[in-house]
Structures are given as C-alpha cells and as structure tokens.
Amino acid sequence: MTANSKTDVLYQQVRERIVCGDIRPGAILTEAELADEYGVSKTPVREALVLLGHEGFVESMPRIGHVVATFTVQDVLETFHLRSILEAEAAGLAAERITEEGIAALLKNSDEEFALAERAHEDGFYERAYELNKEFHRLIARASGNRRLADLIERLMEDMRRMLAFDPRFVEPRQHMEIIEALKHRDRAEAELAMKRHMEETKSRLLDRF
C-alpha cells in the first residue's frame, strides 16, 4: 500500500469514528498513539490529521496533539433551524406528490425502526439506526419532487451525524409514523407540522445533553 493510500484509509477510518461518536468531542489524538493503533508510520497519520483539520473535525494543539472539535449549543440551534425549514417544506410538497410506492417504502422503513428499537443494546445499533433515519428523511425529501431541496437536506443530515450520535433516543418510530400518516392522508399542513414537531423534539433531546 502506498503512502497516499495509507493516508486515505486512515483518514476515512478516523473520520468515521469521529462522526459516529466512537471518538468523542474533546478527545486528544496523538500521532504516536494513532500510528501504534493502526500499525503505520507517523507520516500517514500526520497527513490524515491535516485532512481532518481542514474539514473541521480536529484542531491542532501545540505540544499536545490534535483535539477532536466540539460542537456548541449554537451549532445545534442553527442546524435544526435549517432542517426545520427545509424538511417541513419537503414534507408539505411530499404530501401532494408522494406515490403509493413511496408510502410503502416509508412504512417498510418504519417497521424496521420499530424492530430495531427492541434491540438497542446490540452491536451495530447506532450504524443501522442512523442509516434507517437517513433513509426515512431522504425518501420524503426525494418525494418532494425538488431535487435541489433534497440534496440540501441530505448534505445537512450528513453534517449533523456527529450531533445525532448524542441523541439518547435516536430511534423514534412513533414520530416518523405521525409524519407518514399525514402523508398518507395527503394533508400538507399536518405533514409540515408533524415534521416540525419531530425536529423540535430531537433538538430538545440534544440540548438536554449540554
């Protein structure tokens, strides 16, 4: 494996651990410890940390190492403000445009969430929960018929992944079902309100962690 390949692999692996919350905000990462953990020299570690720094995942601290960047109350408020605006609009449009196949896909997703909620302590729970949650919101965003709106929502969700790892009730199929019911009845106003309630409840749970 070339040096560039080692850097890329290490960057992807450490980034994923930060994003999913395995490496917590405020954790200190040193070149020596990462090199030993991953069985590589310090060069690809140093290069990977530089890449992570460019993306805002870590901050360099002279004579200490790199610290995993934290997010603030303001970060949570700003992000959920945007999601509430964008996803309420997407839900409203989807209520008018979603197909029967789209409803069926959302119901299947919800069934899987209800089943997963019973296995919250199993290995891989968070990863599967995140994927189901992302799929739920993506299906609604795409059903809006506005491709640019859907792309913005998907990018915002990926940016939020680190925050969502701190949600104590990340799997919440009850709230998702309320949105699905509004979509099934083609009720635009209720779909928008249900999505806003969902955003507000999730935001409140995260803010309680500060």
C-alpha atoms as a PDB file:
ATOM      1  CA  MET A   1       0.000   0.000   0.000  1.00  0.00           C
ATOM      2  CA  THR A   2       1.383   3.417  -0.969  1.00  0.00           C
ATOM      3  CA  ALA A   3       1.806   6.281   1.479  1.00  0.00           C
ATOM      4  CA  ASN A   4      -1.122   8.114  -0.108  1.00  0.00           C
ATOM      5  CA  SER A   5      -3.298   5.014   0.185  1.00  0.00           C
ATOM      6  CA  LYS A   6      -2.393   4.620   3.858  1.00  0.00           C
ATOM      7  CA  THR A   7      -3.223   8.260   4.463  1.00  0.00           C
ATOM      8  CA  ASP A   8      -6.604   7.926   2.748  1.00  0.00           C
ATOM      9  CA  VAL A   9      -7.533   4.734   4.594  1.00  0.00           C
ATOM     10  CA  LEU A  10      -6.505   6.182   7.944  1.00  0.00           C
ATOM     11  CA  TYR A  11      -8.333   9.429   7.246  1.00  0.00           C
ATOM     12  CA  GLN A  12     -11.543   7.581   6.359  1.00  0.00           C
ATOM     13  CA  GLN A  13     -11.360   5.303   9.407  1.00  0.00           C
ATOM     14  CA  VAL A  14     -10.661   8.050  11.949  1.00  0.00           C
ATOM     15  CA  ARG A  15     -13.235  10.349  10.337  1.00  0.00           C
ATOM     16  CA  GLU A  16     -15.896   7.641  10.598  1.00  0.00           C
ATOM     17  CA  ARG A  17     -15.094   7.058  14.269  1.00  0.00           C
ATOM     18  CA  ILE A  18     -15.403  10.781  14.988  1.00  0.00           C
ATOM     19  CA  VAL A  19     -18.640  11.143  13.022  1.00  0.00           C
ATOM     20  CA  CYS A  20     -20.379   8.193  14.691  1.00  0.00           C
ATOM     21  CA  GLY A  21     -19.287   9.307  18.166  1.00  0.00           C
ATOM     22  CA  ASP A  22     -16.821   6.474  18.840  1.00  0.00           C
ATOM     23  CA  ILE A  23     -14.163   9.165  19.284  1.00  0.00           C
ATOM     24  CA  ARG A  24     -15.805  11.864  21.361  1.00  0.00           C
ATOM     25  CA  PRO A  25     -15.505  15.669  21.099  1.00  0.00           C
ATOM     26  CA  GLY A  26     -12.590  16.870  23.190  1.00  0.00           C
ATOM     27  CA  ALA A  27     -10.599  13.649  22.815  1.00  0.00           C
ATOM     28  CA  ILE A  28      -6.889  14.146  22.214  1.00  0.00           C
ATOM     29  CA  LEU A  29      -5.329  12.320  19.256  1.00  0.00           C
ATOM     30  CA  THR A  30      -1.558  11.975  19.039  1.00  0.00           C
ATOM     31  CA  GLU A  31       0.484  10.858  16.058  1.00  0.00           C
ATOM     32  CA  ALA A  32       2.327   8.266  18.133  1.00  0.00           C
ATOM     33  CA  GLU A  33      -0.818   6.653  19.548  1.00  0.00           C
ATOM     34  CA  LEU A  34      -2.620   6.533  16.198  1.00  0.00           C
ATOM     35  CA  ALA A  35       0.471   5.170  14.449  1.00  0.00           C
ATOM     36  CA  ASP A  36       0.711   2.403  17.038  1.00  0.00           C
ATOM     37  CA  GLU A  37      -3.042   1.654  16.941  1.00  0.00           C
ATOM     38  CA  TYR A  38      -3.196   1.379  13.162  1.00  0.00           C
ATOM     39  CA  GLY A  39       0.239  -0.127  12.612  1.00  0.00           C
ATOM     40  CA  VAL A  40       1.564   2.621  10.342  1.00  0.00           C
ATOM     41  CA  SER A  41       4.315   5.215  10.448  1.00  0.00           C
ATOM     42  CA  LYS A  42       3.705   8.738  11.695  1.00  0.00           C
ATOM     43  CA  THR A  43       3.757  10.224   8.176  1.00  0.00           C
ATOM     44  CA  PRO A  44       0.321   8.990   7.003  1.00  0.00           C
ATOM     45  CA  VAL A  45      -1.070   9.773  10.473  1.00  0.00           C
ATOM     46  CA  ARG A  46       0.208  13.342  10.249  1.00  0.00           C
ATOM     47  CA  GLU A  47      -1.237  13.738   6.751  1.00  0.00           C
ATOM     48  CA  ALA A  48      -4.602  12.252   7.795  1.00  0.00           C
ATOM     49  CA  LEU A  49      -4.816  14.646  10.743  1.00  0.00           C
ATOM     50  CA  VAL A  50      -4.128  17.577   8.423  1.00  0.00           C
ATOM     51  CA  LEU A  51      -7.043  16.478   6.209  1.00  0.00           C
ATOM     52  CA  LEU A  52      -9.297  16.105   9.243  1.00  0.00           C
ATOM     53  CA  GLY A  53      -8.223  19.569  10.362  1.00  0.00           C
ATOM     54  CA  HIS A  54      -9.184  21.063   7.000  1.00  0.00           C
ATOM     55  CA  GLU A  55     -12.686  19.620   7.442  1.00  0.00           C
ATOM     56  CA  GLY A  56     -13.001  20.973  10.974  1.00  0.00           C
ATOM     57  CA  PHE A  57     -13.035  17.590  12.713  1.00  0.00           C
ATOM     58  CA  VAL A  58      -9.844  18.179  14.722  1.00  0.00           C
ATOM     59  CA  GLU A  59      -7.858  21.171  15.917  1.00  0.00           C
ATOM     60  CA  SER A  60      -4.082  21.237  16.334  1.00  0.00           C
ATOM     61  CA  MET A  61      -2.793  21.923  19.832  1.00  0.00           C
ATOM     62  CA  PRO A  62       0.977  22.610  20.019  1.00  0.00           C
ATOM     63  CA  ARG A  63       2.912  20.175  22.245  1.00  0.00           C
ATOM     64  CA  ILE A  64      -0.273  18.209  22.941  1.00  0.00           C
ATOM     65  CA  GLY A  65      -1.563  16.760  19.674  1.00  0.00           C
ATOM     66  CA  HIS A  66      -4.898  17.174  17.949  1.00  0.00           C
ATOM     67  CA  VAL A  67      -8.163  17.582  19.813  1.00  0.00           C
ATOM     68  CA  VAL A  68     -11.459  16.433  18.338  1.00  0.00           C
ATOM     69  CA  ALA A  69     -13.561  19.535  17.702  1.00  0.00           C
ATOM     70  CA  THR A  70     -16.618  20.077  19.844  1.00  0.00           C
ATOM     71  CA  PHE A  71     -19.973  21.473  18.791  1.00  0.00           C
ATOM     72  CA  THR A  72     -21.873  24.085  20.728  1.00  0.00           C
ATOM     73  CA  VAL A  73     -25.465  24.880  21.667  1.00  0.00           C
ATOM     74  CA  GLN A  74     -25.412  27.470  18.889  1.00  0.00           C
ATOM     75  CA  ASP A  75     -24.342  24.805  16.381  1.00  0.00           C
ATOM     76  CA  VAL A  76     -27.332  22.660  17.392  1.00  0.00           C
ATOM     77  CA  LEU A  77     -29.759  25.588  17.237  1.00  0.00           C
ATOM     78  CA  GLU A  78     -28.558  26.776  13.829  1.00  0.00           C
ATOM     79  CA  THR A  79     -28.573  23.329  12.286  1.00  0.00           C
ATOM     80  CA  PHE A  80     -32.045  22.410  13.495  1.00  0.00           C
ATOM     81  CA  HIS A  81     -33.358  25.798  12.419  1.00  0.00           C
ATOM     82  CA  LEU A  82     -32.291  24.997   8.865  1.00  0.00           C
ATOM     83  CA  ARG A  83     -33.561  21.432   8.992  1.00  0.00           C
ATOM     84  CA  SER A  84     -36.944  22.519  10.300  1.00  0.00           C
ATOM     85  CA  ILE A  85     -37.403  24.997   7.455  1.00  0.00           C
ATOM     86  CA  LEU A  86     -36.178  22.687   4.695  1.00  0.00           C
ATOM     87  CA  GLU A  87     -37.744  19.445   5.859  1.00  0.00           C
ATOM     88  CA  ALA A  88     -41.124  20.947   6.699  1.00  0.00           C
ATOM     89  CA  GLU A  89     -41.267  22.276   3.148  1.00  0.00           C
ATOM     90  CA  ALA A  90     -40.192  18.887   1.777  1.00  0.00           C
ATOM     91  CA  ALA A  91     -42.870  17.118   3.817  1.00  0.00           C
ATOM     92  CA  GLY A  92     -45.516  19.549   2.611  1.00  0.00           C
ATOM     93  CA  LEU A  93     -44.574  19.009  -1.017  1.00  0.00           C
ATOM     94  CA  ALA A  94     -44.363  15.252  -0.491  1.00  0.00           C
ATOM     95  CA  ALA A  95     -47.920  15.211   0.879  1.00  0.00           C
ATOM     96  CA  GLU A  96     -49.062  16.422  -2.527  1.00  0.00           C
ATOM     97  CA  ARG A  97     -46.700  14.364  -4.675  1.00  0.00           C
ATOM     98  CA  ILE A  98     -45.701  11.117  -2.961  1.00  0.00           C
ATOM     99  CA  THR A  99     -46.649   7.878  -4.740  1.00  0.00           C
ATOM    100  CA  GLU A 100     -48.132   4.729  -3.226  1.00  0.00           C
ATOM    101  CA  GLU A 101     -44.726   3.115  -3.716  1.00  0.00           C
ATOM    102  CA  GLY A 102     -43.195   5.957  -1.732  1.00  0.00           C
ATOM    103  CA  ILE A 103     -45.640   5.438   1.128  1.00  0.00           C
ATOM    104  CA  ALA A 104     -44.901   1.698   1.079  1.00  0.00           C
ATOM    105  CA  ALA A 105     -41.150   2.399   1.305  1.00  0.00           C
ATOM    106  CA  LEU A 106     -41.708   4.674   4.328  1.00  0.00           C
ATOM    107  CA  LEU A 107     -43.874   2.055   6.065  1.00  0.00           C
ATOM    108  CA  LYS A 108     -41.210  -0.606   5.490  1.00  0.00           C
ATOM    109  CA  ASN A 109     -38.606   1.746   6.934  1.00  0.00           C
ATOM    110  CA  SER A 110     -40.831   2.364   9.971  1.00  0.00           C
ATOM    111  CA  ASP A 111     -41.357  -1.362  10.538  1.00  0.00           C
ATOM    112  CA  GLU A 112     -37.596  -1.858  10.578  1.00  0.00           C
ATOM    113  CA  GLU A 113     -37.212   1.022  13.039  1.00  0.00           C
ATOM    114  CA  PHE A 114     -39.792  -0.455  15.418  1.00  0.00           C
ATOM    115  CA  ALA A 115     -37.961  -3.801  15.272  1.00  0.00           C
ATOM    116  CA  LEU A 116     -34.580  -2.139  15.812  1.00  0.00           C
ATOM    117  CA  ALA A 117     -35.877  -0.207  18.831  1.00  0.00           C
ATOM    118  CA  GLU A 118     -36.208  -3.545  20.631  1.00  0.00           C
ATOM    119  CA  ARG A 119     -32.505  -4.283  20.065  1.00  0.00           C
ATOM    120  CA  ALA A 120     -30.968  -1.018  21.269  1.00  0.00           C
ATOM    121  CA  HIS A 121     -28.053  -2.705  23.039  1.00  0.00           C
ATOM    122  CA  GLU A 122     -26.888  -4.857  20.147  1.00  0.00           C
ATOM    123  CA  ASP A 123     -23.599  -4.228  18.369  1.00  0.00           C
ATOM    124  CA  GLY A 124     -24.028  -2.052  15.319  1.00  0.00           C
ATOM    125  CA  PHE A 125     -27.233  -0.484  16.643  1.00  0.00           C
ATOM    126  CA  TYR A 126     -26.190   3.112  16.043  1.00  0.00           C
ATOM    127  CA  GLU A 127     -24.956   2.497  12.499  1.00  0.00           C
ATOM    128  CA  ARG A 128     -28.193   0.775  11.487  1.00  0.00           C
ATOM    129  CA  ALA A 129     -30.306   3.377  13.303  1.00  0.00           C
ATOM    130  CA  TYR A 130     -28.507   6.177  11.502  1.00  0.00           C
ATOM    131  CA  GLU A 131     -28.994   4.536   8.108  1.00  0.00           C
ATOM    132  CA  LEU A 132     -32.719   3.975   8.705  1.00  0.00           C
ATOM    133  CA  ASN A 133     -33.195   7.528   9.922  1.00  0.00           C
ATOM    134  CA  LYS A 134     -31.279   8.935   6.976  1.00  0.00           C
ATOM    135  CA  GLU A 135     -33.308   6.800   4.569  1.00  0.00           C
ATOM    136  CA  PHE A 136     -36.599   7.992   6.102  1.00  0.00           C
ATOM    137  CA  HIS A 137     -35.750  11.648   5.638  1.00  0.00           C
ATOM    138  CA  ARG A 138     -34.220  11.024   2.211  1.00  0.00           C
ATOM    139  CA  LEU A 139     -37.376   9.276   0.974  1.00  0.00           C
ATOM    140  CA  ILE A 140     -39.515  12.250   1.986  1.00  0.00           C
ATOM    141  CA  ALA A 141     -37.045  14.747   0.560  1.00  0.00           C
ATOM    142  CA  ARG A 142     -36.992  12.925  -2.779  1.00  0.00           C
ATOM    143  CA  ALA A 143     -40.784  12.608  -2.772  1.00  0.00           C
ATOM    144  CA  SER A 144     -40.980  16.407  -2.665  1.00  0.00           C
ATOM    145  CA  GLY A 145     -40.039  16.428  -6.331  1.00  0.00           C
ATOM    146  CA  ASN A 146     -37.480  19.186  -5.731  1.00  0.00           C
ATOM    147  CA  ARG A 147     -34.045  17.698  -6.391  1.00  0.00           C
ATOM    148  CA  ARG A 148     -32.077  20.671  -5.092  1.00  0.00           C
ATOM    149  CA  LEU A 149     -34.090  20.756  -1.883  1.00  0.00           C
ATOM    150  CA  ALA A 150     -33.476  17.026  -1.406  1.00  0.00           C
ATOM    151  CA  ASP A 151     -29.730  17.451  -2.000  1.00  0.00           C
ATOM    152  CA  LEU A 152     -29.547  20.233   0.601  1.00  0.00           C
ATOM    153  CA  ILE A 153     -31.363  18.091   3.171  1.00  0.00           C
ATOM    154  CA  GLU A 154     -29.098  15.097   2.586  1.00  0.00           C
ATOM    155  CA  ARG A 155     -25.951  17.206   2.941  1.00  0.00           C
ATOM    156  CA  LEU A 156     -27.292  18.822   6.111  1.00  0.00           C
ATOM    157  CA  MET A 157     -28.083  15.411   7.606  1.00  0.00           C
ATOM    158  CA  GLU A 158     -24.549  14.212   6.946  1.00  0.00           C
ATOM    159  CA  ASP A 159     -23.195  17.362   8.597  1.00  0.00           C
ATOM    160  CA  MET A 160     -25.386  16.570  11.628  1.00  0.00           C
ATOM    161  CA  ARG A 161     -24.303  12.983  12.017  1.00  0.00           C
ATOM    162  CA  ARG A 162     -21.925  13.790  14.870  1.00  0.00           C
ATOM    163  CA  MET A 163     -24.695  15.577  16.771  1.00  0.00           C
ATOM    164  CA  LEU A 164     -27.194  12.771  16.250  1.00  0.00           C
ATOM    165  CA  ALA A 165     -24.786  10.286  17.843  1.00  0.00           C
ATOM    166  CA  PHE A 166     -25.568  12.032  21.151  1.00  0.00           C
ATOM    167  CA  ASP A 167     -29.341  11.613  20.858  1.00  0.00           C
ATOM    168  CA  PRO A 168     -30.398   9.295  23.723  1.00  0.00           C
ATOM    169  CA  ARG A 169     -33.490   8.180  21.753  1.00  0.00           C
ATOM    170  CA  PHE A 170     -32.100   8.141  18.253  1.00  0.00           C
ATOM    171  CA  VAL A 171     -34.668   5.598  17.038  1.00  0.00           C
ATOM    172  CA  GLU A 172     -38.067   7.279  17.310  1.00  0.00           C
ATOM    173  CA  PRO A 173     -40.512   5.445  15.004  1.00  0.00           C
ATOM    174  CA  ARG A 174     -43.565   6.966  16.737  1.00  0.00           C
ATOM    175  CA  GLN A 175     -42.697  10.424  15.433  1.00  0.00           C
ATOM    176  CA  HIS A 176     -41.961   9.033  11.996  1.00  0.00           C
ATOM    177  CA  MET A 177     -45.364   7.331  11.905  1.00  0.00           C
ATOM    178  CA  GLU A 178     -47.099  10.638  12.623  1.00  0.00           C
ATOM    179  CA  ILE A 179     -45.432  12.094   9.552  1.00  0.00           C
ATOM    180  CA  ILE A 180     -46.299   9.043   7.449  1.00  0.00           C
ATOM    181  CA  GLU A 181     -49.966   9.263   8.479  1.00  0.00           C
ATOM    182  CA  ALA A 182     -50.108  12.883   7.354  1.00  0.00           C
ATOM    183  CA  LEU A 183     -48.519  11.923   4.027  1.00  0.00           C
ATOM    184  CA  LYS A 184     -50.984   9.037   3.576  1.00  0.00           C
ATOM    185  CA  HIS A 185     -53.892  11.456   4.033  1.00  0.00           C
ATOM    186  CA  ARG A 186     -52.310  13.981   1.647  1.00  0.00           C
ATOM    187  CA  ASP A 187     -52.557  16.561   4.427  1.00  0.00           C
ATOM    188  CA  ARG A 188     -49.920  19.151   3.630  1.00  0.00           C
ATOM    189  CA  ALA A 189     -50.454  21.299   6.710  1.00  0.00           C
ATOM    190  CA  GLU A 190     -50.294  18.329   9.098  1.00  0.00           C
ATOM    191  CA  ALA A 191     -47.240  16.875   7.324  1.00  0.00           C
ATOM    192  CA  GLU A 192     -45.397  20.155   7.821  1.00  0.00           C
ATOM    193  CA  LEU A 193     -46.452  20.385  11.472  1.00  0.00           C
ATOM    194  CA  ALA A 194     -45.524  16.750  12.185  1.00  0.00           C
ATOM    195  CA  MET A 195     -42.070  17.274  10.689  1.00  0.00           C
ATOM    196  CA  LYS A 196     -41.568  20.462  12.710  1.00  0.00           C
ATOM    197  CA  ARG A 197     -42.611  18.647  15.918  1.00  0.00           C
ATOM    198  CA  HIS A 198     -40.138  15.877  15.099  1.00  0.00           C
ATOM    199  CA  MET A 199     -37.316  18.397  14.598  1.00  0.00           C
ATOM    200  CA  GLU A 200     -38.209  20.242  17.813  1.00  0.00           C
ATOM    201  CA  GLU A 201     -38.303  17.084  19.944  1.00  0.00           C
ATOM    202  CA  THR A 202     -34.985  15.845  18.573  1.00  0.00           C
ATOM    203  CA  LYS A 203     -33.383  19.260  19.119  1.00  0.00           C
ATOM    204  CA  SER A 204     -34.663  19.371  22.716  1.00  0.00           C
ATOM    205  CA  ARG A 205     -33.191  15.945  23.497  1.00  0.00           C
ATOM    206  CA  LEU A 206     -29.798  17.009  22.164  1.00  0.00           C
ATOM    207  CA  LEU A 207     -29.822  20.312  24.042  1.00  0.00           C
ATOM    208  CA  ASP A 208     -30.518  18.403  27.263  1.00  0.00           C
ATOM    209  CA  ARG A 209     -27.079  16.790  26.836  1.00  0.00           C
ATOM    210  CA  PHE A 210     -25.276  20.114  27.285  1.00  0.00           C
END
